N, C-alpha and C. Protein backbone atom coordinates (compact mmCIF):
# COMPACT_ATOMS: atom_id res chain seq x y z
N UNK A 1 6.99 -13.34 14.07
CA UNK A 1 6.76 -12.53 12.87
C UNK A 1 5.69 -11.51 13.16
N UNK A 2 5.90 -10.27 12.72
CA UNK A 2 4.93 -9.22 12.99
C UNK A 2 3.68 -9.41 12.14
N UNK A 3 2.56 -9.16 12.74
CA UNK A 3 1.28 -9.28 12.04
C UNK A 3 1.03 -8.03 11.17
N UNK A 4 0.50 -8.24 9.98
CA UNK A 4 0.19 -7.15 9.07
C UNK A 4 -0.99 -6.34 9.50
N UNK A 5 -0.96 -5.04 9.29
CA UNK A 5 -2.11 -4.20 9.58
C UNK A 5 -3.20 -4.34 8.52
N UNK A 6 -2.79 -4.81 7.36
CA UNK A 6 -3.71 -4.90 6.20
C UNK A 6 -3.89 -6.35 5.83
N UNK A 7 -5.15 -6.70 5.46
CA UNK A 7 -5.42 -8.05 4.99
C UNK A 7 -4.89 -8.19 3.56
N UNK A 8 -4.81 -9.43 3.09
CA UNK A 8 -4.34 -9.66 1.73
C UNK A 8 -5.20 -8.92 0.71
N UNK A 9 -6.50 -8.91 0.95
CA UNK A 9 -7.41 -8.25 0.01
C UNK A 9 -7.17 -6.72 -0.01
N UNK A 10 -6.89 -6.17 1.17
CA UNK A 10 -6.60 -4.74 1.20
C UNK A 10 -5.30 -4.39 0.47
N UNK A 11 -4.28 -5.22 0.63
CA UNK A 11 -3.01 -4.99 -0.06
C UNK A 11 -3.22 -5.06 -1.57
N UNK A 12 -3.99 -6.03 -2.02
CA UNK A 12 -4.29 -6.18 -3.46
C UNK A 12 -5.00 -4.92 -3.98
N UNK A 13 -5.96 -4.42 -3.19
CA UNK A 13 -6.68 -3.22 -3.58
C UNK A 13 -5.76 -2.01 -3.68
N UNK A 14 -4.84 -1.88 -2.77
CA UNK A 14 -3.88 -0.76 -2.77
C UNK A 14 -3.00 -0.86 -4.01
N UNK A 15 -2.52 -2.07 -4.32
CA UNK A 15 -1.67 -2.23 -5.49
C UNK A 15 -2.45 -1.98 -6.78
N UNK A 16 -3.74 -2.34 -6.83
CA UNK A 16 -4.55 -2.05 -8.00
C UNK A 16 -4.73 -0.54 -8.19
N UNK A 17 -4.86 0.20 -7.11
CA UNK A 17 -4.95 1.65 -7.17
C UNK A 17 -3.65 2.22 -7.79
N UNK A 18 -2.50 1.68 -7.39
CA UNK A 18 -1.21 2.11 -7.93
C UNK A 18 -1.13 1.78 -9.40
N UNK A 19 -1.57 0.59 -9.80
CA UNK A 19 -1.56 0.22 -11.21
C UNK A 19 -2.49 1.12 -12.04
N UNK A 20 -3.57 1.58 -11.44
CA UNK A 20 -4.53 2.43 -12.12
C UNK A 20 -3.99 3.85 -12.36
N UNK A 21 -2.88 4.19 -11.73
CA UNK A 21 -2.25 5.45 -12.01
C UNK A 21 -2.01 6.35 -10.79
N UNK A 22 -2.44 5.93 -9.60
CA UNK A 22 -2.18 6.75 -8.42
C UNK A 22 -0.73 6.63 -8.03
N UNK A 23 -0.11 7.73 -7.64
CA UNK A 23 1.33 7.68 -7.30
C UNK A 23 1.56 6.96 -6.00
N UNK A 24 2.76 6.40 -5.89
CA UNK A 24 3.13 5.66 -4.66
C UNK A 24 3.12 6.58 -3.45
N UNK A 25 3.59 7.80 -3.63
CA UNK A 25 3.63 8.76 -2.52
C UNK A 25 2.23 9.09 -2.03
N UNK A 26 1.29 9.25 -2.94
CA UNK A 26 -0.09 9.56 -2.56
C UNK A 26 -0.71 8.38 -1.82
N UNK A 27 -0.44 7.17 -2.30
CA UNK A 27 -0.97 5.98 -1.61
C UNK A 27 -0.37 5.82 -0.20
N UNK A 28 0.88 6.11 -0.06
CA UNK A 28 1.55 6.01 1.24
C UNK A 28 0.92 6.98 2.22
N UNK A 29 0.65 8.20 1.77
CA UNK A 29 0.00 9.16 2.66
C UNK A 29 -1.40 8.72 3.00
N UNK A 30 -2.15 8.22 2.00
CA UNK A 30 -3.55 7.81 2.18
C UNK A 30 -3.68 6.67 3.20
N UNK A 31 -2.77 5.72 3.15
CA UNK A 31 -2.89 4.52 3.99
C UNK A 31 -1.93 4.53 5.18
N UNK A 32 -1.09 5.55 5.28
CA UNK A 32 -0.21 5.70 6.43
C UNK A 32 0.92 4.70 6.49
N UNK A 33 1.52 4.40 5.35
CA UNK A 33 2.68 3.49 5.31
C UNK A 33 3.87 4.25 4.73
N UNK A 34 5.08 3.77 5.01
CA UNK A 34 6.28 4.42 4.47
C UNK A 34 6.53 3.96 3.03
N UNK A 35 7.33 4.70 2.32
CA UNK A 35 7.69 4.33 0.96
C UNK A 35 8.36 2.95 0.94
N UNK A 36 9.24 2.71 1.92
CA UNK A 36 9.95 1.45 1.97
C UNK A 36 9.00 0.28 2.14
N UNK A 37 7.99 0.46 2.97
CA UNK A 37 7.02 -0.59 3.18
C UNK A 37 6.20 -0.85 1.92
N UNK A 38 5.85 0.23 1.25
CA UNK A 38 5.08 0.09 0.02
C UNK A 38 5.84 -0.74 -1.04
N UNK A 39 7.12 -0.43 -1.20
CA UNK A 39 7.89 -1.12 -2.22
C UNK A 39 8.31 -2.54 -1.78
N UNK A 40 8.30 -2.77 -0.52
CA UNK A 40 8.65 -4.12 0.00
C UNK A 40 7.54 -5.07 -0.38
């Protein structure tokens, strides 16, 4: 199984940013992940 680049705490922080109103596309650019990875 592939190891994640982000810790669980980092993933939770990213999702909280999305919930706060930041767009998924902006978050993907900021953290360097694809849209598919974000929604997965």
